[in-house]
Amino acid sequence: MKKLMLITVLTMASNNAYASEKEYTMQVHGAVCASCAYGLEKKFKKIEGVEKFDIDLKSGQVFVCAKDSVNFTEDQLTKLFIESGYSYKGMEVKENCSDKLDDNK
């Protein structure tokens, strides 16, 4: 029984070690206040696989950390931002999420 539990724990640990994330950096125009940021955060956090969110209102950049299984498309993001009242201007994708994305946001 102890061997089975140990194997289960090791398997779970190894699965988490290989979990991959992507960081999306998106340029958005029109989001200029804390309420704007909160509304966008709520929209993104509703998407399964989105783990972290941050926005720099000054530069108009939105940062999203998502599981590797999430694949945003230009059309999907354009629609999301337009429905929220903003203009979407493109994205950049990195293979790993940076430390600047805080879990508490």
Protein backbone atom coordinates (compact mmCIF):
# COMPACT_ATOMS: atom_id res chain seq x y z
CA MET A 1 0.00 0.00 0.00
CA LYS A 2 2.85 2.40 0.85
CA LYS A 3 4.48 1.72 -2.52
CA LEU A 4 1.24 2.54 -4.32
CA MET A 5 0.89 5.84 -2.46
CA LEU A 6 4.51 6.75 -3.20
CA ILE A 7 4.08 5.97 -6.91
CA THR A 8 0.91 8.09 -6.99
CA VAL A 9 2.63 11.05 -5.31
CA LEU A 10 5.66 10.82 -7.61
CA THR A 11 3.45 10.61 -10.69
CA MET A 12 1.47 13.68 -9.64
CA ALA A 13 4.68 15.60 -8.93
CA SER A 14 6.20 14.71 -12.30
CA ASN A 15 3.02 15.70 -14.14
CA ASN A 16 3.10 19.13 -12.50
CA ALA A 17 6.79 19.56 -13.30
CA TYR A 18 6.07 19.23 -17.01
CA ALA A 19 2.99 21.47 -17.04
CA SER A 20 3.73 24.23 -19.51
CA GLU A 21 2.52 27.80 -19.71
CA LYS A 22 2.51 30.57 -22.28
CA GLU A 23 2.53 34.31 -21.69
CA TYR A 24 0.49 36.49 -24.00
CA THR A 25 1.30 40.19 -24.21
CA MET A 26 -1.45 42.11 -25.97
CA GLN A 27 -1.68 45.75 -26.98
CA VAL A 28 -5.06 47.35 -26.25
CA HIS A 29 -6.29 50.91 -26.71
CA GLY A 30 -8.98 52.55 -24.60
CA ALA A 31 -8.48 50.78 -21.26
CA VAL A 32 -7.43 53.68 -19.04
CA CYS A 33 -8.83 53.08 -15.55
CA ALA A 34 -8.95 50.51 -12.75
CA SER A 35 -12.53 49.64 -13.67
CA CYS A 36 -11.42 48.89 -17.23
CA ALA A 37 -8.67 46.62 -15.92
CA TYR A 38 -11.06 44.80 -13.60
CA GLY A 39 -13.57 44.20 -16.40
CA LEU A 40 -10.91 42.75 -18.68
CA GLU A 41 -9.52 40.61 -15.88
CA LYS A 42 -12.98 39.12 -15.27
CA LYS A 43 -13.38 38.31 -18.99
CA PHE A 44 -10.01 36.60 -19.25
CA LYS A 45 -10.33 34.68 -15.99
CA LYS A 46 -13.58 33.14 -17.30
CA ILE A 47 -11.55 31.42 -20.03
CA GLU A 48 -10.54 27.92 -18.98
CA GLY A 49 -6.78 27.64 -18.65
CA VAL A 50 -6.10 31.32 -17.95
CA GLU A 51 -4.13 31.43 -14.73
CA LYS A 52 -2.80 34.97 -14.29
CA PHE A 53 -3.68 38.43 -15.56
CA ASP A 54 -2.10 41.86 -15.36
CA ILE A 55 -2.49 45.12 -17.23
CA ASP A 56 -0.30 48.20 -17.57
CA LEU A 57 -2.81 50.98 -18.19
CA LYS A 58 -0.08 53.48 -19.01
CA SER A 59 1.38 51.45 -21.88
CA GLY A 60 -1.88 49.72 -22.86
CA GLN A 61 -0.40 46.26 -22.46
CA VAL A 62 -2.34 43.27 -21.19
CA PHE A 63 -0.39 40.27 -19.86
CA VAL A 64 -2.03 36.85 -19.59
CA CYS A 65 -0.45 33.64 -18.40
CA ALA A 66 -2.32 30.56 -19.60
CA LYS A 67 -1.82 26.84 -19.72
CA ASP A 68 -0.13 25.55 -22.84
CA SER A 69 -3.46 24.13 -24.00
CA VAL A 70 -4.86 27.67 -24.45
CA ASN A 71 -4.32 29.06 -27.94
CA PHE A 72 -5.71 32.55 -28.41
CA THR A 73 -6.41 33.58 -32.00
CA GLU A 74 -6.34 37.09 -33.42
CA ASP A 75 -10.07 36.83 -34.20
CA GLN A 76 -10.93 35.63 -30.70
CA LEU A 77 -8.99 38.46 -29.04
CA THR A 78 -10.31 41.10 -31.43
CA LYS A 79 -13.86 40.04 -30.56
CA LEU A 80 -13.16 39.93 -26.80
CA PHE A 81 -11.69 43.43 -26.73
CA ILE A 82 -14.31 44.96 -29.04
CA GLU A 83 -17.13 43.47 -26.91
CA SER A 84 -15.43 45.06 -23.90
CA GLY A 85 -15.27 48.45 -25.62
CA TYR A 86 -11.55 48.53 -26.51
CA SER A 87 -9.39 48.25 -29.60
CA TYR A 88 -7.08 45.26 -29.89
CA LYS A 89 -3.77 45.91 -31.65
CA GLY A 90 -1.91 42.57 -31.64
CA MET A 91 -0.17 40.04 -29.42
CA GLU A 92 3.19 38.48 -28.68
CA VAL A 93 3.50 34.95 -27.26
CA LYS A 94 6.33 33.68 -25.05
CA GLU A 95 6.82 30.05 -24.08
CA ASN A 96 7.01 30.67 -20.32
CA CYS A 97 5.31 33.13 -18.01
CA SER A 98 7.44 35.82 -16.42
CA ASP A 99 7.64 36.58 -12.73
CA LYS A 100 5.89 39.92 -13.21
CA LEU A 101 2.54 38.11 -13.39
CA ASP A 102 1.40 37.83 -9.80
CA ASP A 103 -0.91 34.98 -8.71
CA ASN A 104 -2.98 37.42 -6.69
CA LYS A 105 -4.11 39.51 -9.66
